[in-house]
Amino acid sequence: MVSVLDGQPVKPAWLKGRAAKLWAEKVATYVERGQSVVGCESALAQYCSLEASLIEQFVKKLTPPTSQLSAYRTYAAEFFDTPASQIGSPKQPKAGKFAGNGQPPPPEGGPCA
């Protein structure tokens, strides 16, 4: 686990147009989730730029290369923007007072020896 860095994410100066708008929308979503992206600005900018490029291709009725879609899905998962990537590990059920029933006895020389 990486420590959370203080501050606000800084949009790279080269990110313009639709990609910059996507940046603002994504950062607002991440802030609302409590998800820090400070220190990940470069990856987030690439993600937004790629998404903007895909949108442009869809608008022009062009089929984007599979490699672009795969890269986009990878970024989406990295930033927890897919339903599957938001699923955490299952919570362990709390042990009830009978949770130890049916357990094997302690080894020889255990606490009752």
Protein backbone atom coordinates (compact mmCIF):
# COMPACT_ATOMS: atom_id res chain seq x y z
CA MET A 1 0.00 0.00 0.00
CA VAL A 2 1.34 3.40 -0.97
CA SER A 3 0.95 6.35 1.41
CA VAL A 4 -1.56 9.02 0.39
CA LEU A 5 0.13 12.27 -0.62
CA ASP A 6 -1.21 15.61 0.58
CA GLY A 7 -2.48 18.24 -1.81
CA GLN A 8 -4.64 18.38 -4.89
CA PRO A 9 -3.91 16.72 -8.24
CA VAL A 10 -2.32 19.11 -10.74
CA LYS A 11 -3.49 18.81 -14.34
CA PRO A 12 -0.55 18.72 -16.77
CA ALA A 13 -0.33 21.83 -18.97
CA TRP A 14 -0.37 19.73 -22.16
CA LEU A 15 -3.82 18.27 -21.40
CA LYS A 16 -6.32 20.30 -23.43
CA GLY A 17 -9.85 20.18 -24.83
CA ARG A 18 -12.04 17.15 -24.21
CA ALA A 19 -9.24 15.39 -22.30
CA ALA A 20 -9.00 18.32 -19.86
CA LYS A 21 -12.77 18.24 -19.33
CA LEU A 22 -12.61 14.49 -18.65
CA TRP A 23 -9.79 15.18 -16.16
CA ALA A 24 -12.00 17.59 -14.20
CA GLU A 25 -14.92 15.14 -14.20
CA LYS A 26 -12.77 12.21 -13.09
CA VAL A 27 -10.99 14.19 -10.36
CA ALA A 28 -14.39 15.33 -9.01
CA THR A 29 -15.55 11.71 -8.93
CA TYR A 30 -12.38 10.56 -7.18
CA VAL A 31 -12.65 13.35 -4.59
CA GLU A 32 -16.26 12.32 -3.92
CA ARG A 33 -15.13 8.70 -3.48
CA GLY A 34 -12.30 9.71 -1.17
CA GLN A 35 -9.80 8.33 -3.70
CA SER A 36 -6.52 10.25 -3.89
CA VAL A 37 -4.85 10.56 -7.29
CA VAL A 38 -2.11 12.95 -6.14
CA GLY A 39 1.14 11.53 -7.48
CA CYS A 40 -0.69 9.72 -10.29
CA GLU A 41 -1.33 12.77 -12.46
CA SER A 42 0.70 11.50 -15.41
CA ALA A 43 -1.21 8.21 -15.60
CA LEU A 44 -4.53 10.01 -15.13
CA ALA A 45 -3.66 12.45 -17.93
CA GLN A 46 -2.82 9.56 -20.25
CA TYR A 47 -6.11 7.88 -19.29
CA CYS A 48 -8.10 11.06 -20.03
CA SER A 49 -6.24 11.64 -23.30
CA LEU A 50 -6.93 8.08 -24.42
CA GLU A 51 -10.61 8.35 -23.49
CA ALA A 52 -10.89 11.63 -25.44
CA SER A 53 -9.27 9.95 -28.45
CA LEU A 54 -11.69 7.02 -28.24
CA ILE A 55 -14.67 9.38 -28.07
CA GLU A 56 -13.42 11.21 -31.16
CA GLN A 57 -13.10 7.92 -33.01
CA PHE A 58 -16.60 6.85 -32.01
CA VAL A 59 -18.03 10.22 -33.09
CA LYS A 60 -16.36 9.80 -36.49
CA LYS A 61 -17.75 6.24 -36.66
CA LEU A 62 -14.24 4.80 -36.72
CA THR A 63 -13.43 1.51 -35.03
CA PRO A 64 -10.60 2.03 -32.55
CA PRO A 65 -7.81 -0.53 -32.49
CA THR A 66 -8.24 -3.29 -29.95
CA SER A 67 -4.96 -2.25 -28.34
CA GLN A 68 -6.45 1.18 -27.53
CA LEU A 69 -9.55 -0.40 -26.00
CA SER A 70 -7.39 -2.77 -23.97
CA ALA A 71 -5.23 0.08 -22.72
CA TYR A 72 -8.36 2.06 -21.84
CA ARG A 73 -9.80 -0.87 -19.88
CA THR A 74 -6.51 -1.21 -18.02
CA TYR A 75 -6.53 2.47 -17.03
CA ALA A 76 -10.22 2.21 -16.04
CA ALA A 77 -9.42 -0.71 -13.76
CA GLU A 78 -6.35 1.05 -12.30
CA PHE A 79 -8.51 4.04 -11.36
CA PHE A 80 -11.42 1.85 -10.12
CA ASP A 81 -13.75 3.08 -12.87
CA THR A 82 -15.32 -0.28 -13.65
CA PRO A 83 -17.83 -2.20 -11.54
CA ALA A 84 -15.52 -5.21 -11.32
CA SER A 85 -12.55 -3.12 -10.15
CA GLN A 86 -14.62 -1.66 -7.30
CA ILE A 87 -15.22 -5.03 -5.68
CA GLY A 88 -12.98 -5.54 -2.69
CA SER A 89 -12.05 -8.76 -1.00
CA PRO A 90 -15.02 -10.37 0.71
CA LYS A 91 -15.48 -9.48 4.35
CA GLN A 92 -14.75 -12.26 6.76
CA PRO A 93 -17.77 -13.25 8.82
CA LYS A 94 -17.50 -12.54 12.51
CA ALA A 95 -16.83 -15.63 14.53
CA GLY A 96 -19.81 -16.55 16.67
CA LYS A 97 -19.61 -18.20 20.08
CA PHE A 98 -19.85 -21.65 18.45
CA ALA A 99 -17.19 -20.99 15.81
CA GLY A 100 -14.71 -23.31 17.53
CA ASN A 101 -17.09 -26.29 17.56
CA GLY A 102 -15.90 -29.19 15.48
CA GLN A 103 -12.28 -28.04 15.58
CA PRO A 104 -9.61 -30.71 15.99
CA PRO A 105 -8.20 -31.08 19.50
CA PRO A 106 -4.92 -29.30 20.29
CA PRO A 107 -1.74 -31.31 19.61
CA GLU A 108 -0.17 -33.48 22.34
CA GLY A 109 1.46 -31.36 24.98
CA GLY A 110 -1.00 -28.58 24.29
CA PRO A 111 -2.62 -26.33 26.87
CA CYS A 112 -4.34 -29.23 28.69
CA ALA A 113 -1.23 -31.42 29.09
